[in-house]
């Protein structure tokens, strides 16, 4: 395990940072429990000269825990069901950067 993979594992295991999630491939596959890092920044967009604030969900998921991840997969985090819109590997290849919609 690389130093980056070990650091990611420590971050998701930390009870102050990582959260429990349930993954389902294509939204209907068998449930798989894992821990992820969740960020929910608000995104500001312009629409017809009006600012619209939209909630977003960005997850960091260790690739060692979930080697395959694709658009259309879902994760349940607490009461929220989020659908993966895109997943890209980080620069070190140890985590997915996952953009989701609720």
PDB file of N, CA and C in Angstrom:
ATOM      1  N   UNK A   1       0.849  -1.169   0.000  1.00  0.00           N
ATOM      2  CA  UNK A   1       0.000   0.000   0.000  1.00  0.00           C
ATOM      3  C   UNK A   1       0.897   1.235   0.000  1.00  0.00           C
ATOM      4  N   UNK A   2       0.595   2.170  -0.887  1.00  0.00           N
ATOM      5  CA  UNK A   2       1.394   3.395  -0.966  1.00  0.00           C
ATOM      6  C   UNK A   2       1.053   4.325   0.199  1.00  0.00           C
ATOM      7  N   UNK A   3       1.888   5.317   0.396  1.00  0.00           N
ATOM      8  CA  UNK A   3       1.639   6.304   1.455  1.00  0.00           C
ATOM      9  C   UNK A   3       0.331   7.048   1.195  1.00  0.00           C
ATOM     10  N   UNK A   4       0.013   7.315  -0.074  1.00  0.00           N
ATOM     11  CA  UNK A   4      -1.221   8.019  -0.401  1.00  0.00           C
ATOM     12  C   UNK A   4      -2.445   7.151  -0.110  1.00  0.00           C
ATOM     13  N   UNK A   5      -2.363   5.878  -0.436  1.00  0.00           N
ATOM     14  CA  UNK A   5      -3.470   4.963  -0.153  1.00  0.00           C
ATOM     15  C   UNK A   5      -3.671   4.811   1.350  1.00  0.00           C
ATOM     16  N   UNK A   6      -2.570   4.735   2.104  1.00  0.00           N
ATOM     17  CA  UNK A   6      -2.668   4.638   3.561  1.00  0.00           C
ATOM     18  C   UNK A   6      -3.285   5.903   4.155  1.00  0.00           C
ATOM     19  N   UNK A   7      -2.917   7.057   3.619  1.00  0.00           N
ATOM     20  CA  UNK A   7      -3.495   8.322   4.093  1.00  0.00           C
ATOM     21  C   UNK A   7      -4.983   8.381   3.796  1.00  0.00           C
ATOM     22  N   UNK A   8      -5.389   7.952   2.614  1.00  0.00           N
ATOM     23  CA  UNK A   8      -6.814   7.956   2.259  1.00  0.00           C
ATOM     24  C   UNK A   8      -7.587   7.019   3.168  1.00  0.00           C
ATOM     25  N   UNK A   9      -7.038   5.840   3.442  1.00  0.00           N
ATOM     26  CA  UNK A   9      -7.694   4.886   4.341  1.00  0.00           C
ATOM     27  C   UNK A   9      -7.856   5.478   5.740  1.00  0.00           C
ATOM     28  N   UNK A  10      -6.862   6.198   6.211  1.00  0.00           N
ATOM     29  CA  UNK A  10      -6.943   6.829   7.536  1.00  0.00           C
ATOM     30  C   UNK A  10      -7.997   7.935   7.550  1.00  0.00           C
ATOM     31  N   UNK A  11      -8.090   8.694   6.474  1.00  0.00           N
ATOM     32  CA  UNK A  11      -9.074   9.784   6.421  1.00  0.00           C
ATOM     33  C   UNK A  11     -10.507   9.262   6.438  1.00  0.00           C
ATOM     34  N   UNK A  12     -10.811   8.257   5.624  1.00  0.00           N
ATOM     35  CA  UNK A  12     -12.183   7.746   5.594  1.00  0.00           C
ATOM     36  C   UNK A  12     -12.534   7.007   6.882  1.00  0.00           C
ATOM     37  N   UNK A  13     -11.542   6.442   7.558  1.00  0.00           N
ATOM     38  CA  UNK A  13     -11.798   5.743   8.820  1.00  0.00           C
ATOM     39  C   UNK A  13     -12.020   6.708   9.981  1.00  0.00           C
ATOM     40  N   UNK A  14     -11.539   7.928   9.852  1.00  0.00           N
ATOM     41  CA  UNK A  14     -11.687   8.924  10.918  1.00  0.00           C
ATOM     42  C   UNK A  14     -13.170   9.254  11.122  1.00  0.00           C
ATOM     43  N   UNK A  15     -13.702   9.104  12.332  1.00  0.00           N
ATOM     44  CA  UNK A  15     -15.128   9.364  12.573  1.00  0.00           C
ATOM     45  C   UNK A  15     -15.515  10.829  12.405  1.00  0.00           C
ATOM     46  N   UNK A  16     -14.538  11.726  12.415  1.00  0.00           N
ATOM     47  CA  UNK A  16     -14.832  13.144  12.219  1.00  0.00           C
ATOM     48  C   UNK A  16     -14.873  13.536  10.748  1.00  0.00           C
ATOM     49  N   UNK A  17     -14.347  12.698   9.882  1.00  0.00           N
ATOM     50  CA  UNK A  17     -14.272  13.035   8.455  1.00  0.00           C
ATOM     51  C   UNK A  17     -15.064  12.082   7.571  1.00  0.00           C
ATOM     52  N   UNK A  18     -14.879  10.797   7.766  1.00  0.00           N
ATOM     53  CA  UNK A  18     -15.543   9.801   6.933  1.00  0.00           C
ATOM     54  C   UNK A  18     -16.982   9.560   7.366  1.00  0.00           C
ATOM     55  N   UNK A  19     -17.813   9.166   6.388  1.00  0.00           N
ATOM     56  CA  UNK A  19     -19.213   8.846   6.676  1.00  0.00           C
ATOM     57  C   UNK A  19     -19.542   7.479   6.076  1.00  0.00           C
ATOM     58  N   UNK A  20     -20.503   6.812   6.688  1.00  0.00           N
ATOM     59  CA  UNK A  20     -20.981   5.522   6.190  1.00  0.00           C
ATOM     60  C   UNK A  20     -21.830   5.744   4.942  1.00  0.00           C
ATOM     61  N   UNK A  21     -21.667   4.871   3.978  1.00  0.00           N
ATOM     62  CA  UNK A  21     -22.453   4.933   2.745  1.00  0.00           C
ATOM     63  C   UNK A  21     -22.764   3.517   2.293  1.00  0.00           C
ATOM     64  N   UNK A  22     -23.804   3.395   1.483  1.00  0.00           N
ATOM     65  CA  UNK A  22     -24.151   2.112   0.881  1.00  0.00           C
ATOM     66  C   UNK A  22     -24.155   2.310  -0.631  1.00  0.00           C
ATOM     67  N   UNK A  23     -23.333   1.548  -1.313  1.00  0.00           N
ATOM     68  CA  UNK A  23     -23.172   1.646  -2.765  1.00  0.00           C
ATOM     69  C   UNK A  23     -24.016   0.587  -3.459  1.00  0.00           C
ATOM     70  N   UNK A  24     -24.609   0.959  -4.595  1.00  0.00           N
ATOM     71  CA  UNK A  24     -25.333   0.009  -5.446  1.00  0.00           C
ATOM     72  C   UNK A  24     -24.954   0.283  -6.893  1.00  0.00           C
ATOM     73  N   UNK A  25     -24.420  -0.732  -7.562  1.00  0.00           N
ATOM     74  CA  UNK A  25     -24.066  -0.586  -8.966  1.00  0.00           C
ATOM     75  C   UNK A  25     -25.331  -0.391  -9.786  1.00  0.00           C
ATOM     76  N   UNK A  26     -25.327   0.593 -10.657  1.00  0.00           N
ATOM     77  CA  UNK A  26     -26.475   0.948 -11.512  1.00  0.00           C
ATOM     78  C   UNK A  26     -27.722   1.272 -10.698  1.00  0.00           C
ATOM     79  N   UNK A  27     -27.574   1.495  -9.411  1.00  0.00           N
ATOM     80  CA  UNK A  27     -28.705   1.838  -8.560  1.00  0.00           C
ATOM     81  C   UNK A  27     -29.536   0.664  -8.110  1.00  0.00           C
ATOM     82  N   UNK A  28     -29.259  -0.529  -8.653  1.00  0.00           N
ATOM     83  CA  UNK A  28     -30.080  -1.690  -8.315  1.00  0.00           C
ATOM     84  C   UNK A  28     -29.273  -2.897  -7.872  1.00  0.00           C
ATOM     85  N   UNK A  29     -27.953  -2.809  -7.908  1.00  0.00           N
ATOM     86  CA  UNK A  29     -27.108  -3.950  -7.549  1.00  0.00           C
ATOM     87  C   UNK A  29     -27.173  -4.269  -6.068  1.00  0.00           C
ATOM     88  N   UNK A  30     -26.443  -5.281  -5.689  1.00  0.00           N
ATOM     89  CA  UNK A  30     -26.377  -5.668  -4.281  1.00  0.00           C
ATOM     90  C   UNK A  30     -25.768  -4.538  -3.458  1.00  0.00           C
ATOM     91  N   UNK A  31     -26.306  -4.273  -2.271  1.00  0.00           N
ATOM     92  CA  UNK A  31     -25.754  -3.193  -1.442  1.00  0.00           C
ATOM     93  C   UNK A  31     -24.361  -3.553  -0.929  1.00  0.00           C
ATOM     94  N   UNK A  32     -23.486  -2.538  -0.923  1.00  0.00           N
ATOM     95  CA  UNK A  32     -22.118  -2.702  -0.447  1.00  0.00           C
ATOM     96  C   UNK A  32     -21.804  -1.528   0.477  1.00  0.00           C
ATOM     97  N   UNK A  33     -21.548  -1.833   1.762  1.00  0.00           N
ATOM     98  CA  UNK A  33     -21.278  -0.778   2.741  1.00  0.00           C
ATOM     99  C   UNK A  33     -19.823  -0.351   2.665  1.00  0.00           C
ATOM    100  N   UNK A  34     -19.589   0.952   2.752  1.00  0.00           N
ATOM    101  CA  UNK A  34     -18.247   1.508   2.731  1.00  0.00           C
ATOM    102  C   UNK A  34     -18.246   2.874   3.402  1.00  0.00           C
ATOM    103  N   UNK A  35     -17.073   3.444   3.562  1.00  0.00           N
ATOM    104  CA  UNK A  35     -16.932   4.789   4.117  1.00  0.00           C
ATOM    105  C   UNK A  35     -16.373   5.703   3.036  1.00  0.00           C
ATOM    106  N   UNK A  36     -16.858   6.944   3.012  1.00  0.00           N
ATOM    107  CA  UNK A  36     -16.433   7.928   2.026  1.00  0.00           C
ATOM    108  C   UNK A  36     -16.201   9.267   2.708  1.00  0.00           C
ATOM    109  N   UNK A  37     -15.508  10.152   2.009  1.00  0.00           N
ATOM    110  CA  UNK A  37     -15.403  11.543   2.442  1.00  0.00           C
ATOM    111  C   UNK A  37     -16.425  12.316   1.632  1.00  0.00           C
ATOM    112  N   UNK A  38     -17.236  13.132   2.303  1.00  0.00           N
ATOM    113  CA  UNK A  38     -18.304  13.867   1.622  1.00  0.00           C
ATOM    114  C   UNK A  38     -18.101  15.366   1.768  1.00  0.00           C
ATOM    115  N   UNK A  39     -18.230  16.045   0.657  1.00  0.00           N
ATOM    116  CA  UNK A  39     -18.204  17.498   0.632  1.00  0.00           C
ATOM    117  C   UNK A  39     -19.469  17.938  -0.084  1.00  0.00           C
ATOM    118  N   UNK A  40     -20.153  18.919   0.456  1.00  0.00           N
ATOM    119  CA  UNK A  40     -21.408  19.383  -0.143  1.00  0.00           C
ATOM    120  C   UNK A  40     -21.392  20.896  -0.338  1.00  0.00           C
ATOM    121  N   UNK A  41     -20.518  21.371  -1.225  1.00  0.00           N
ATOM    122  CA  UNK A  41     -20.478  22.822  -1.445  1.00  0.00           C
ATOM    123  C   UNK A  41     -21.667  23.284  -2.274  1.00  0.00           C
ATOM    124  N   UNK A  42     -22.115  24.503  -2.024  1.00  0.00           N
ATOM    125  CA  UNK A  42     -23.153  25.086  -2.860  1.00  0.00           C
ATOM    126  C   UNK A  42     -22.513  25.603  -4.136  1.00  0.00           C
ATOM    127  N   UNK A  43     -23.201  25.426  -5.244  1.00  0.00           N
ATOM    128  CA  UNK A  43     -22.714  25.901  -6.532  1.00  0.00           C
ATOM    129  C   UNK A  43     -23.632  27.022  -6.974  1.00  0.00           C
ATOM    130  N   UNK A  44     -23.061  28.120  -7.433  1.00  0.00           N
ATOM    131  CA  UNK A  44     -23.840  29.252  -7.907  1.00  0.00           C
ATOM    132  C   UNK A  44     -23.806  29.242  -9.427  1.00  0.00           C
ATOM    133  N   UNK A  45     -24.979  29.294 -10.028  1.00  0.00           N
ATOM    134  CA  UNK A  45     -25.090  29.304 -11.486  1.00  0.00           C
ATOM    135  C   UNK A  45     -25.944  30.482 -11.908  1.00  0.00           C
ATOM    136  N   UNK A  46     -25.719  30.958 -13.113  1.00  0.00           N
ATOM    137  CA  UNK A  46     -26.527  32.044 -13.670  1.00  0.00           C
ATOM    138  C   UNK A  46     -27.591  31.470 -14.582  1.00  0.00           C
ATOM    139  N   UNK A  47     -28.801  31.953 -14.429  1.00  0.00           N
ATOM    140  CA  UNK A  47     -29.889  31.565 -15.313  1.00  0.00           C
ATOM    141  C   UNK A  47     -30.763  32.796 -15.540  1.00  0.00           C
ATOM    142  N   UNK A  48     -30.730  33.299 -16.749  1.00  0.00           N
ATOM    143  CA  UNK A  48     -31.543  34.463 -17.116  1.00  0.00           C
ATOM    144  C   UNK A  48     -31.284  35.641 -16.188  1.00  0.00           C
ATOM    145  N   UNK A  49     -30.000  35.923 -15.971  1.00  0.00           N
ATOM    146  CA  UNK A  49     -29.550  37.044 -15.138  1.00  0.00           C
ATOM    147  C   UNK A  49     -29.960  36.902 -13.676  1.00  0.00           C
ATOM    148  N   UNK A  50     -30.211  35.676 -13.252  1.00  0.00           N
ATOM    149  CA  UNK A  50     -30.560  35.395 -11.865  1.00  0.00           C
ATOM    150  C   UNK A  50     -29.611  34.334 -11.338  1.00  0.00           C
ATOM    151  N   UNK A  51     -29.069  34.571 -10.148  1.00  0.00           N
ATOM    152  CA  UNK A  51     -28.197  33.570  -9.544  1.00  0.00           C
ATOM    153  C   UNK A  51     -29.035  32.470  -8.908  1.00  0.00           C
ATOM    154  N   UNK A  52     -28.660  31.247  -9.197  1.00  0.00           N
ATOM    155  CA  UNK A  52     -29.335  30.086  -8.626  1.00  0.00           C
ATOM    156  C   UNK A  52     -28.310  29.318  -7.808  1.00  0.00           C
ATOM    157  N   UNK A  53     -28.652  29.021  -6.572  1.00  0.00           N
ATOM    158  CA  UNK A  53     -27.775  28.248  -5.711  1.00  0.00           C
ATOM    159  C   UNK A  53     -28.257  26.805  -5.720  1.00  0.00           C
ATOM    160  N   UNK A  54     -27.355  25.906  -6.098  1.00  0.00           N
ATOM    161  CA  UNK A  54     -27.692  24.482  -6.166  1.00  0.00           C
ATOM    162  C   UNK A  54     -26.766  23.695  -5.253  1.00  0.00           C
ATOM    163  N   UNK A  55     -27.325  22.796  -4.497  1.00  0.00           N
ATOM    164  CA  UNK A  55     -26.516  21.927  -3.641  1.00  0.00           C
ATOM    165  C   UNK A  55     -25.816  20.900  -4.513  1.00  0.00           C
ATOM    166  N   UNK A  56     -24.588  20.620  -4.204  1.00  0.00           N
ATOM    167  CA  UNK A  56     -23.844  19.588  -4.921  1.00  0.00           C
ATOM    168  C   UNK A  56     -23.263  18.607  -3.910  1.00  0.00           C
ATOM    169  N   UNK A  57     -22.927  17.453  -4.376  1.00  0.00           N
ATOM    170  CA  UNK A  57     -22.273  16.458  -3.535  1.00  0.00           C
ATOM    171  C   UNK A  57     -21.032  15.974  -4.263  1.00  0.00           C
ATOM    172  N   UNK A  58     -19.889  16.088  -3.600  1.00  0.00           N
ATOM    173  CA  UNK A  58     -18.626  15.586  -4.129  1.00  0.00           C
ATOM    174  C   UNK A  58     -18.084  14.598  -3.101  1.00  0.00           C
ATOM    175  N   UNK A  59     -17.825  13.380  -3.552  1.00  0.00           N
ATOM    176  CA  UNK A  59     -17.339  12.333  -2.666  1.00  0.00           C
ATOM    177  C   UNK A  59     -15.918  11.938  -3.044  1.00  0.00           C
ATOM    178  N   UNK A  60     -15.149  11.557  -2.059  1.00  0.00           N
ATOM    179  CA  UNK A  60     -13.849  10.920  -2.283  1.00  0.00           C
ATOM    180  C   UNK A  60     -14.000   9.482  -1.789  1.00  0.00           C
ATOM    181  N   UNK A  61     -13.760   8.553  -2.693  1.00  0.00           N
ATOM    182  CA  UNK A  61     -13.955   7.135  -2.404  1.00  0.00           C
ATOM    183  C   UNK A  61     -12.647   6.402  -2.689  1.00  0.00           C
ATOM    184  N   UNK A  62     -12.106   5.677  -1.723  1.00  0.00           N
ATOM    185  CA  UNK A  62     -10.865   4.931  -1.982  1.00  0.00           C
ATOM    186  C   UNK A  62     -11.055   3.905  -3.096  1.00  0.00           C
ATOM    187  N   UNK A  63     -10.162   3.927  -4.076  1.00  0.00           N
ATOM    188  CA  UNK A  63     -10.229   2.974  -5.181  1.00  0.00           C
ATOM    189  C   UNK A  63     -10.006   1.552  -4.670  1.00  0.00           C
ATOM    190  N   UNK A  64      -9.201   1.397  -3.623  1.00  0.00           N
ATOM    191  CA  UNK A  64      -8.965   0.063  -3.046  1.00  0.00           C
ATOM    192  C   UNK A  64     -10.261  -0.552  -2.520  1.00  0.00           C
ATOM    193  N   UNK A  65     -11.179   0.285  -2.054  1.00  0.00           N
ATOM    194  CA  UNK A  65     -12.455  -0.190  -1.526  1.00  0.00           C
ATOM    195  C   UNK A  65     -13.460  -0.455  -2.639  1.00  0.00           C
ATOM    196  N   UNK A  66     -13.445   0.394  -3.656  1.00  0.00           N
ATOM    197  CA  UNK A  66     -14.423   0.320  -4.740  1.00  0.00           C
ATOM    198  C   UNK A  66     -13.702   0.519  -6.069  1.00  0.00           C
ATOM    199  N   UNK A  67     -13.158  -0.551  -6.652  1.00  0.00           N
ATOM    200  CA  UNK A  67     -12.337  -0.396  -7.851  1.00  0.00           C
ATOM    201  C   UNK A  67     -13.106   0.031  -9.102  1.00  0.00           C
ATOM    202  N   UNK A  68     -14.391  -0.273  -9.180  1.00  0.00           N
ATOM    203  CA  UNK A  68     -15.191   0.093 -10.350  1.00  0.00           C
ATOM    204  C   UNK A  68     -16.319   1.014  -9.927  1.00  0.00           C
ATOM    205  N   UNK A  69     -16.402   2.149 -10.585  1.00  0.00           N
ATOM    206  CA  UNK A  69     -17.425   3.143 -10.266  1.00  0.00           C
ATOM    207  C   UNK A  69     -17.801   3.831 -11.567  1.00  0.00           C
ATOM    208  N   UNK A  70     -19.090   4.013 -11.822  1.00  0.00           N
ATOM    209  CA  UNK A  70     -19.516   4.589 -13.094  1.00  0.00           C
ATOM    210  C   UNK A  70     -20.753   5.466 -12.907  1.00  0.00           C
ATOM    211  N   UNK A  71     -21.001   6.319 -13.892  1.00  0.00           N
ATOM    212  CA  UNK A  71     -22.203   7.150 -13.880  1.00  0.00           C
ATOM    213  C   UNK A  71     -23.426   6.238 -13.802  1.00  0.00           C
ATOM    214  N   UNK A  72     -24.403   6.655 -13.006  1.00  0.00           N
ATOM    215  CA  UNK A  72     -25.619   5.874 -12.818  1.00  0.00           C
ATOM    216  C   UNK A  72     -25.604   5.017 -11.569  1.00  0.00           C
ATOM    217  N   UNK A  73     -24.416   4.779 -10.995  1.00  0.00           N
ATOM    218  CA  UNK A  73     -24.340   4.080  -9.716  1.00  0.00           C
ATOM    219  C   UNK A  73     -24.902   4.991  -8.631  1.00  0.00           C
ATOM    220  N   UNK A  74     -25.358   4.419  -7.534  1.00  0.00           N
ATOM    221  CA  UNK A  74     -25.918   5.230  -6.453  1.00  0.00           C
ATOM    222  C   UNK A  74     -25.229   4.937  -5.135  1.00  0.00           C
ATOM    223  N   UNK A  75     -25.272   5.932  -4.262  1.00  0.00           N
ATOM    224  CA  UNK A  75     -24.800   5.780  -2.891  1.00  0.00           C
ATOM    225  C   UNK A  75     -25.864   6.381  -1.985  1.00  0.00           C
ATOM    226  N   UNK A  76     -26.147   5.678  -0.906  1.00  0.00           N
ATOM    227  CA  UNK A  76     -27.049   6.189   0.116  1.00  0.00           C
ATOM    228  C   UNK A  76     -26.185   6.610   1.292  1.00  0.00           C
ATOM    229  N   UNK A  77     -26.313   7.883   1.666  1.00  0.00           N
ATOM    230  CA  UNK A  77     -25.547   8.434   2.779  1.00  0.00           C
ATOM    231  C   UNK A  77     -26.557   9.027   3.747  1.00  0.00           C
ATOM    232  N   UNK A  78     -26.750   8.344   4.867  1.00  0.00           N
ATOM    233  CA  UNK A  78     -27.799   8.777   5.790  1.00  0.00           C
ATOM    234  C   UNK A  78     -29.132   8.743   5.055  1.00  0.00           C
ATOM    235  N   UNK A  79     -29.904   9.840   5.109  1.00  0.00           N
ATOM    236  CA  UNK A  79     -31.196   9.862   4.434  1.00  0.00           C
ATOM    237  C   UNK A  79     -31.098  10.224   2.949  1.00  0.00           C
ATOM    238  N   UNK A  80     -29.894  10.566   2.463  1.00  0.00           N
ATOM    239  CA  UNK A  80     -29.728  11.055   1.092  1.00  0.00           C
ATOM    240  C   UNK A  80     -29.346   9.940   0.129  1.00  0.00           C
ATOM    241  N   UNK A  81     -30.026   9.911  -1.004  1.00  0.00           N
ATOM    242  CA  UNK A  81     -29.671   9.025  -2.103  1.00  0.00           C
ATOM    243  C   UNK A  81     -29.042   9.895  -3.176  1.00  0.00           C
ATOM    244  N   UNK A  82     -27.780   9.625  -3.513  1.00  0.00           N
ATOM    245  CA  UNK A  82     -27.106  10.403  -4.544  1.00  0.00           C
ATOM    246  C   UNK A  82     -26.740   9.485  -5.699  1.00  0.00           C
ATOM    247  N   UNK A  83     -26.834  10.031  -6.912  1.00  0.00           N
ATOM    248  CA  UNK A  83     -26.510   9.291  -8.119  1.00  0.00           C
ATOM    249  C   UNK A  83     -25.213   9.827  -8.697  1.00  0.00           C
ATOM    250  N   UNK A  84     -24.309   8.944  -9.043  1.00  0.00           N
ATOM    251  CA  UNK A  84     -23.023   9.335  -9.611  1.00  0.00           C
ATOM    252  C   UNK A  84     -23.249   9.903 -11.008  1.00  0.00           C
ATOM    253  N   UNK A  85     -22.766  11.132 -11.238  1.00  0.00           N
ATOM    254  CA  UNK A  85     -22.814  11.716 -12.583  1.00  0.00           C
ATOM    255  C   UNK A  85     -21.473  11.561 -13.280  1.00  0.00           C
ATOM    256  N   UNK A  86     -20.381  11.593 -12.514  1.00  0.00           N
ATOM    257  CA  UNK A  86     -19.056  11.317 -13.086  1.00  0.00           C
ATOM    258  C   UNK A  86     -18.107  10.900 -11.972  1.00  0.00           C
ATOM    259  N   UNK A  87     -17.114  10.102 -12.348  1.00  0.00           N
ATOM    260  CA  UNK A  87     -16.106   9.651 -11.386  1.00  0.00           C
ATOM    261  C   UNK A  87     -14.753   9.662 -12.094  1.00  0.00           C
ATOM    262  N   UNK A  88     -13.808  10.367 -11.505  1.00  0.00           N
ATOM    263  CA  UNK A  88     -12.460  10.427 -12.066  1.00  0.00           C
ATOM    264  C   UNK A  88     -11.459  10.066 -10.976  1.00  0.00           C
ATOM    265  N   UNK A  89     -10.346   9.474 -11.386  1.00  0.00           N
ATOM    266  CA  UNK A  89      -9.292   9.131 -10.430  1.00  0.00           C
ATOM    267  C   UNK A  89      -8.518  10.391 -10.054  1.00  0.00           C
ATOM    268  N   UNK A  90      -8.080  10.456  -8.797  1.00  0.00           N
ATOM    269  CA  UNK A  90      -7.255  11.590  -8.386  1.00  0.00           C
ATOM    270  C   UNK A  90      -5.851  11.433  -8.968  1.00  0.00           C
ATOM    271  N   UNK A  91      -5.010  12.428  -8.761  1.00  0.00           N
ATOM    272  CA  UNK A  91      -3.676  12.439  -9.357  1.00  0.00           C
ATOM    273  C   UNK A  91      -2.802  11.276  -8.895  1.00  0.00           C
ATOM    274  N   UNK A  92      -3.033  10.787  -7.686  1.00  0.00           N
ATOM    275  CA  UNK A  92      -2.215   9.688  -7.162  1.00  0.00           C
ATOM    276  C   UNK A  92      -2.776   8.313  -7.513  1.00  0.00           C
ATOM    277  N   UNK A  93      -4.005   8.271  -8.040  1.00  0.00           N
ATOM    278  CA  UNK A  93      -4.633   7.002  -8.382  1.00  0.00           C
ATOM    279  C   UNK A  93      -5.133   6.222  -7.187  1.00  0.00           C
ATOM    280  N   UNK A  94      -5.339   6.900  -6.051  1.00  0.00           N
ATOM    281  CA  UNK A  94      -5.779   6.198  -4.843  1.00  0.00           C
ATOM    282  C   UNK A  94      -7.246   6.432  -4.506  1.00  0.00           C
ATOM    283  N   UNK A  95      -7.865   7.438  -5.111  1.00  0.00           N
ATOM    284  CA  UNK A  95      -9.256   7.757  -4.765  1.00  0.00           C
ATOM    285  C   UNK A  95     -10.024   8.222  -5.992  1.00  0.00           C
ATOM    286  N   UNK A  96     -11.312   7.928  -5.973  1.00  0.00           N
ATOM    287  CA  UNK A  96     -12.224   8.478  -6.968  1.00  0.00           C
ATOM    288  C   UNK A  96     -12.675   9.853  -6.499  1.00  0.00           C
ATOM    289  N   UNK A  97     -12.769  10.804  -7.394  1.00  0.00           N
ATOM    290  CA  UNK A  97     -13.430  12.089  -7.128  1.00  0.00           C
ATOM    291  C   UNK A  97     -14.772  11.959  -7.827  1.00  0.00           C
ATOM    292  N   UNK A  98     -15.824  11.891  -7.038  1.00  0.00           N
ATOM    293  CA  UNK A  98     -17.147  11.529  -7.547  1.00  0.00           C
ATOM    294  C   UNK A  98     -18.082  12.733  -7.453  1.00  0.00           C
ATOM    295  N   UNK A  99     -18.607  13.134  -8.598  1.00  0.00           N
ATOM    296  CA  UNK A  99     -19.620  14.193  -8.629  1.00  0.00           C
ATOM    297  C   UNK A  99     -20.974  13.518  -8.652  1.00  0.00           C
ATOM    298  N   UNK A 100     -21.875  13.976  -7.789  1.00  0.00           N
ATOM    299  CA  UNK A 100     -23.183  13.332  -7.645  1.00  0.00           C
ATOM    300  C   UNK A 100     -24.307  14.343  -7.710  1.00  0.00           C
ATOM    301  N   UNK A 101     -25.488  13.851  -7.977  1.00  0.00           N
ATOM    302  CA  UNK A 101     -26.701  14.660  -7.883  1.00  0.00           C
ATOM    303  C   UNK A 101     -27.685  13.943  -6.968  1.00  0.00           C
ATOM    304  N   UNK A 102     -28.467  14.744  -6.260  1.00  0.00           N
ATOM    305  CA  UNK A 102     -29.463  14.150  -5.354  1.00  0.00           C
ATOM    306  C   UNK A 102     -30.726  13.837  -6.086  1.00  0.00           C
TER     307      UNK A 102
END
